[in-house]
Amino acid sequence: MKLNFEGLPTIDLHILLALAKEAGRGILTVYNSGDIAVTLKDDRSPLTLADQISHEIIMQGLTVLNPGIPVISEEGKDIPYEVRKNWEYFWCVDPLDGTKEFIKRNGEFTVNIALIHKNAPVLGIIYVPVTGELYYGGEGIGSWKESATGETKELHTNKKTKNWIAAGSRSHSSAEEISMLKQYPIAETVTIGSSIKFGLIAEGKADIYYRHGPTMEWDTAAGQAIATYSGAVMCNSAGEPFVYNKPSLLNGGFLVKIK
């Protein structure tokens, strides 16, 4: 499938999806080896060889696919705001979202690739290497899920007024999140790691996800695209649009929910 965004060369979606899967296979070479050596980055967050392998695969692939589009990656070099503030489009990549889940070996980690236009994601891909599940969504195509066997289905959020299901973080929670969710008709909470929570909302398995604690733009961009184009809405804690390419790539709190 060819995707056309104003001002960009045509993007081949199938090549992009294949790239996410290739990065996932690179991650699994480390995951399945049983030798998960962990180092700490300057911000004390964990880093593994799998993060680096996935980053290299994605960077090389995006450079070949669309060499004129800049890339922001969690494992890439810091790019000053003065350089990126006038970017029309850029890729926003988390080569391994859920490194803590990767280290715990619970399978709940993903590859995240998003295309940002100005301040909003217009295309997002989330690949779950352990299960082979692939979520993707964007402008003009809606949102979809591909199973490990290659079957695809279009995704739509729920429409209901009671008995909501909340998606909660496996490794992060806060009193603020509990307080926020009390405002909604939640009957059940499911906990799962990484950006998979966005996928659950997109496919109607959850109805709301609130995160108070800090994340980075690459943690949320792909998920926001998939959730938004399936019918959900995402905003900051004040109810304002959730924007990208900020002077600081650090996110504040956000809420994703059905309409």
Protein backbone atom coordinates (compact mmCIF):
# COMPACT_ATOMS: atom_id res chain seq x y z
CA MET A 1 0.00 0.00 0.00
CA LYS A 2 1.31 3.41 -1.00
CA LEU A 3 0.77 6.32 1.40
CA ASN A 4 0.72 9.89 0.19
CA PHE A 5 1.36 12.79 2.55
CA GLU A 6 1.43 16.32 1.19
CA GLY A 7 4.99 17.44 0.56
CA LEU A 8 6.52 13.96 0.90
CA PRO A 9 7.54 11.26 -1.56
CA THR A 10 5.23 8.24 -1.53
CA ILE A 11 5.77 5.95 1.47
CA ASP A 12 5.44 2.20 0.99
CA LEU A 13 3.51 0.97 4.03
CA HIS A 14 4.38 -2.67 3.44
CA ILE A 15 8.10 -1.91 3.51
CA LEU A 16 7.61 0.08 6.70
CA LEU A 17 5.71 -2.78 8.37
CA ALA A 18 8.40 -5.22 7.27
CA LEU A 19 11.02 -2.93 8.83
CA ALA A 20 9.23 -3.03 12.20
CA LYS A 21 9.15 -6.83 12.01
CA GLU A 22 12.84 -6.98 11.10
CA ALA A 23 13.66 -4.85 14.15
CA GLY A 24 11.52 -7.20 16.23
CA ARG A 25 13.49 -10.20 14.98
CA GLY A 26 16.68 -8.41 15.95
CA ILE A 27 15.32 -7.90 19.46
CA LEU A 28 14.37 -11.57 19.73
CA THR A 29 17.90 -12.71 18.92
CA VAL A 30 18.93 -11.16 22.24
CA TYR A 31 15.74 -12.05 24.11
CA ASN A 32 15.91 -15.73 23.15
CA SER A 33 19.63 -15.99 23.90
CA GLY A 34 18.89 -15.60 27.62
CA ASP A 35 21.88 -13.26 27.94
CA ILE A 36 20.28 -9.88 28.67
CA ALA A 37 23.10 -7.63 29.81
CA VAL A 38 21.82 -4.30 31.11
CA THR A 39 23.60 -0.97 31.34
CA LEU A 40 22.24 2.35 32.59
CA LYS A 41 21.97 5.49 30.49
CA ASP A 42 22.65 8.95 31.89
CA ASP A 43 19.02 9.25 33.03
CA ARG A 44 19.35 5.90 34.86
CA SER A 45 16.97 4.16 32.46
CA PRO A 46 17.99 0.66 31.33
CA LEU A 47 19.65 -0.09 28.00
CA THR A 48 20.26 -3.49 26.41
CA LEU A 49 21.96 -4.78 23.29
CA ALA A 50 18.47 -5.38 21.88
CA ASP A 51 17.68 -1.63 22.07
CA GLN A 52 20.81 -0.88 20.06
CA ILE A 53 20.27 -3.63 17.46
CA SER A 54 16.69 -2.50 16.82
CA HIS A 55 17.79 1.15 16.58
CA GLU A 56 20.42 0.35 13.96
CA ILE A 57 17.99 -1.72 11.86
CA ILE A 58 15.32 0.98 11.90
CA MET A 59 17.70 3.87 11.23
CA GLN A 60 19.21 2.09 8.24
CA GLY A 61 15.80 1.12 6.91
CA LEU A 62 14.25 4.58 7.23
CA THR A 63 17.28 6.18 5.60
CA VAL A 64 16.84 3.92 2.56
CA LEU A 65 13.03 4.21 2.51
CA ASN A 66 12.81 8.02 2.72
CA PRO A 67 16.25 9.60 3.05
CA GLY A 68 14.91 13.14 3.30
CA ILE A 69 12.85 12.63 6.46
CA PRO A 70 14.77 13.23 9.72
CA VAL A 71 14.54 10.74 12.57
CA ILE A 72 14.28 11.13 16.34
CA SER A 73 15.01 7.86 18.13
CA GLU A 74 15.34 7.06 21.81
CA GLU A 75 18.74 5.55 21.13
CA GLY A 76 19.84 8.24 18.66
CA LYS A 77 21.75 11.45 19.15
CA ASP A 78 20.05 14.37 20.85
CA ILE A 79 18.91 16.89 18.22
CA PRO A 80 18.64 20.51 19.44
CA TYR A 81 15.26 22.21 19.19
CA GLU A 82 16.82 24.96 17.08
CA VAL A 83 17.56 22.32 14.44
CA ARG A 84 14.22 20.48 14.53
CA LYS A 85 11.74 23.29 15.26
CA ASN A 86 11.04 23.93 11.58
CA TRP A 87 10.73 20.29 10.54
CA GLU A 88 7.56 19.64 8.54
CA TYR A 89 7.79 15.87 9.00
CA PHE A 90 9.96 13.53 11.03
CA TRP A 91 10.06 9.92 12.17
CA CYS A 92 9.70 9.37 15.92
CA VAL A 93 11.04 5.97 16.95
CA ASP A 94 11.29 3.86 20.07
CA PRO A 95 13.35 0.83 18.99
CA LEU A 96 12.35 -1.11 22.12
CA ASP A 97 9.47 0.26 24.16
CA GLY A 98 9.15 -1.53 27.47
CA THR A 99 12.78 -2.31 28.21
CA LYS A 100 11.81 -3.09 31.81
CA GLU A 101 9.34 -5.70 30.56
CA PHE A 102 12.02 -7.06 28.23
CA ILE A 103 14.36 -7.49 31.20
CA LYS A 104 11.56 -9.15 33.19
CA ARG A 105 11.05 -11.49 30.20
CA ASN A 106 7.26 -11.16 30.19
CA GLY A 107 6.98 -10.49 26.45
CA GLU A 108 5.24 -7.12 26.85
CA PHE A 109 7.56 -4.93 24.80
CA THR A 110 7.22 -3.37 21.37
CA VAL A 111 8.83 -1.64 18.41
CA ASN A 112 7.31 1.82 17.86
CA ILE A 113 7.61 3.81 14.63
CA ALA A 114 5.61 6.98 13.98
CA LEU A 115 5.54 9.72 11.38
CA ILE A 116 4.92 13.19 12.78
CA HIS A 117 3.55 16.05 10.68
CA LYS A 118 4.25 19.36 12.39
CA ASN A 119 2.97 18.62 15.91
CA ALA A 120 0.82 15.50 15.47
CA PRO A 121 1.35 11.84 14.50
CA VAL A 122 -0.17 10.94 11.13
CA LEU A 123 1.08 7.34 10.98
CA GLY A 124 1.94 4.84 13.70
CA ILE A 125 3.20 1.26 13.87
CA ILE A 126 3.48 -0.91 16.96
CA TYR A 127 4.96 -4.40 16.62
CA VAL A 128 4.95 -6.95 19.45
CA PRO A 129 7.89 -9.29 18.70
CA VAL A 130 6.96 -12.12 21.07
CA THR A 131 3.38 -12.52 19.82
CA GLY A 132 3.91 -11.36 16.24
CA GLU A 133 0.99 -8.94 16.54
CA LEU A 134 1.21 -5.75 14.52
CA TYR A 135 -0.87 -2.63 15.03
CA TYR A 136 -0.82 0.24 12.55
CA GLY A 137 -2.92 3.27 11.76
CA GLY A 138 -2.79 6.60 10.06
CA GLU A 139 -4.31 9.36 8.04
CA GLY A 140 -6.42 8.03 5.20
CA ILE A 141 -6.15 4.35 6.17
CA GLY A 142 -7.76 4.06 9.61
CA SER A 143 -6.30 1.60 12.13
CA TRP A 144 -5.59 -2.10 11.69
CA LYS A 145 -4.23 -5.15 13.47
CA GLU A 146 -2.34 -7.96 11.77
CA SER A 147 -2.07 -11.29 13.58
CA ALA A 148 1.01 -13.49 13.62
CA THR A 149 -0.58 -15.55 10.82
CA GLY A 150 -1.09 -12.48 8.62
CA GLU A 151 -4.83 -12.01 9.11
CA THR A 152 -5.83 -8.34 9.28
CA LYS A 153 -8.83 -6.60 10.79
CA GLU A 154 -9.83 -2.96 10.97
CA LEU A 155 -9.89 -1.53 14.47
CA HIS A 156 -12.62 0.54 16.07
CA THR A 157 -12.96 1.77 19.63
CA ASN A 158 -15.94 0.95 21.81
CA LYS A 159 -18.99 3.14 22.16
CA LYS A 160 -20.47 2.63 25.61
CA THR A 161 -21.52 4.63 28.65
CA LYS A 162 -20.74 2.21 31.49
CA ASN A 163 -18.53 -0.72 32.49
CA TRP A 164 -15.40 0.76 30.98
CA ILE A 165 -12.15 -1.20 31.05
CA ALA A 166 -9.05 0.76 32.02
CA ALA A 167 -5.62 -0.11 30.66
CA GLY A 168 -2.98 0.24 33.36
CA SER A 169 0.78 0.14 33.31
CA ARG A 170 2.63 -2.97 34.39
CA SER A 171 5.59 -1.06 35.82
CA HIS A 172 4.26 2.46 36.47
CA SER A 173 1.33 3.73 38.52
CA SER A 174 0.54 6.70 40.77
CA ALA A 175 -2.04 8.10 43.14
CA GLU A 176 -2.83 10.76 40.53
CA GLU A 177 -3.76 8.07 38.02
CA ILE A 178 -6.09 6.38 40.49
CA SER A 179 -7.74 9.72 41.26
CA MET A 180 -8.22 10.60 37.59
CA LEU A 181 -9.76 7.25 36.70
CA LYS A 182 -12.32 7.53 39.51
CA GLN A 183 -14.06 10.14 37.34
CA TYR A 184 -15.01 7.50 34.76
CA PRO A 185 -17.37 4.48 34.86
CA ILE A 186 -14.60 1.89 35.18
CA ALA A 187 -15.58 -1.65 36.10
CA GLU A 188 -12.27 -3.41 35.42
CA THR A 189 -8.58 -2.70 34.97
CA VAL A 190 -6.15 -4.68 32.84
CA THR A 191 -2.42 -4.17 33.32
CA ILE A 192 0.06 -4.64 30.53
CA GLY A 193 3.46 -3.24 29.61
CA SER A 194 4.64 -0.81 26.93
CA SER A 195 2.57 0.77 24.14
CA ILE A 196 0.36 -2.33 23.85
CA LYS A 197 -2.15 -0.36 25.96
CA PHE A 198 -2.84 1.92 22.98
CA GLY A 199 -3.54 -1.14 20.87
CA LEU A 200 -6.00 -2.47 23.41
CA ILE A 201 -8.01 0.75 23.21
CA ALA A 202 -7.89 0.75 19.41
CA GLU A 203 -9.25 -2.79 19.18
CA GLY A 204 -11.95 -2.28 21.82
CA LYS A 205 -10.36 -4.37 24.59
CA ALA A 206 -9.93 -1.29 26.81
CA ASP A 207 -11.64 2.08 26.95
CA ILE A 208 -9.33 4.45 28.82
CA TYR A 209 -5.66 4.85 29.66
CA TYR A 210 -4.26 7.61 31.83
CA ARG A 211 -0.58 8.14 32.48
CA HIS A 212 0.50 10.81 34.97
CA GLY A 213 4.19 10.09 35.15
CA PRO A 214 6.75 11.20 32.58
CA THR A 215 7.15 9.64 29.17
CA MET A 216 8.99 10.75 26.04
CA GLU A 217 7.53 11.58 22.66
CA TRP A 218 8.75 8.29 21.16
CA ASP A 219 6.83 6.39 23.87
CA THR A 220 3.46 7.77 22.76
CA ALA A 221 3.61 8.86 19.10
CA ALA A 222 2.85 5.54 17.37
CA GLY A 223 0.23 4.63 19.94
CA GLN A 224 -1.51 7.98 19.60
CA ALA A 225 -1.82 7.55 15.84
CA ILE A 226 -3.27 4.05 16.16
CA ALA A 227 -5.70 5.01 18.93
CA THR A 228 -6.77 8.25 17.24
CA TYR A 229 -7.45 6.75 13.82
CA SER A 230 -9.49 3.97 15.44
CA GLY A 231 -11.80 6.55 17.01
CA ALA A 232 -10.25 7.39 20.38
CA VAL A 233 -9.18 10.81 21.60
CA MET A 234 -5.88 11.70 23.28
CA CYS A 235 -5.17 14.88 25.21
CA ASN A 236 -2.93 16.20 27.95
CA SER A 237 -3.97 16.32 31.59
CA ALA A 238 -5.66 19.70 31.03
CA GLY A 239 -7.75 18.37 28.14
CA GLU A 240 -5.67 20.16 25.49
CA PRO A 241 -4.26 18.63 22.29
CA PHE A 242 -1.24 16.42 22.88
CA VAL A 243 1.58 17.83 20.76
CA TYR A 244 4.99 16.74 19.47
CA ASN A 245 8.33 18.29 18.58
CA LYS A 246 8.25 20.39 21.73
CA PRO A 247 11.36 22.24 22.95
CA SER A 248 11.69 19.35 25.40
CA LEU A 249 10.77 15.89 24.13
CA LEU A 250 9.60 15.00 27.65
CA ASN A 251 5.85 14.50 27.83
CA GLY A 252 3.50 15.54 30.61
CA GLY A 253 0.52 13.47 31.65
CA PHE A 254 -1.94 12.23 29.04
CA LEU A 255 -5.36 10.65 28.74
CA VAL A 256 -6.50 8.30 25.96
CA LYS A 257 -10.17 7.33 25.93
CA ILE A 258 -13.16 6.39 23.86
CA LYS A 259 -15.37 9.24 22.66
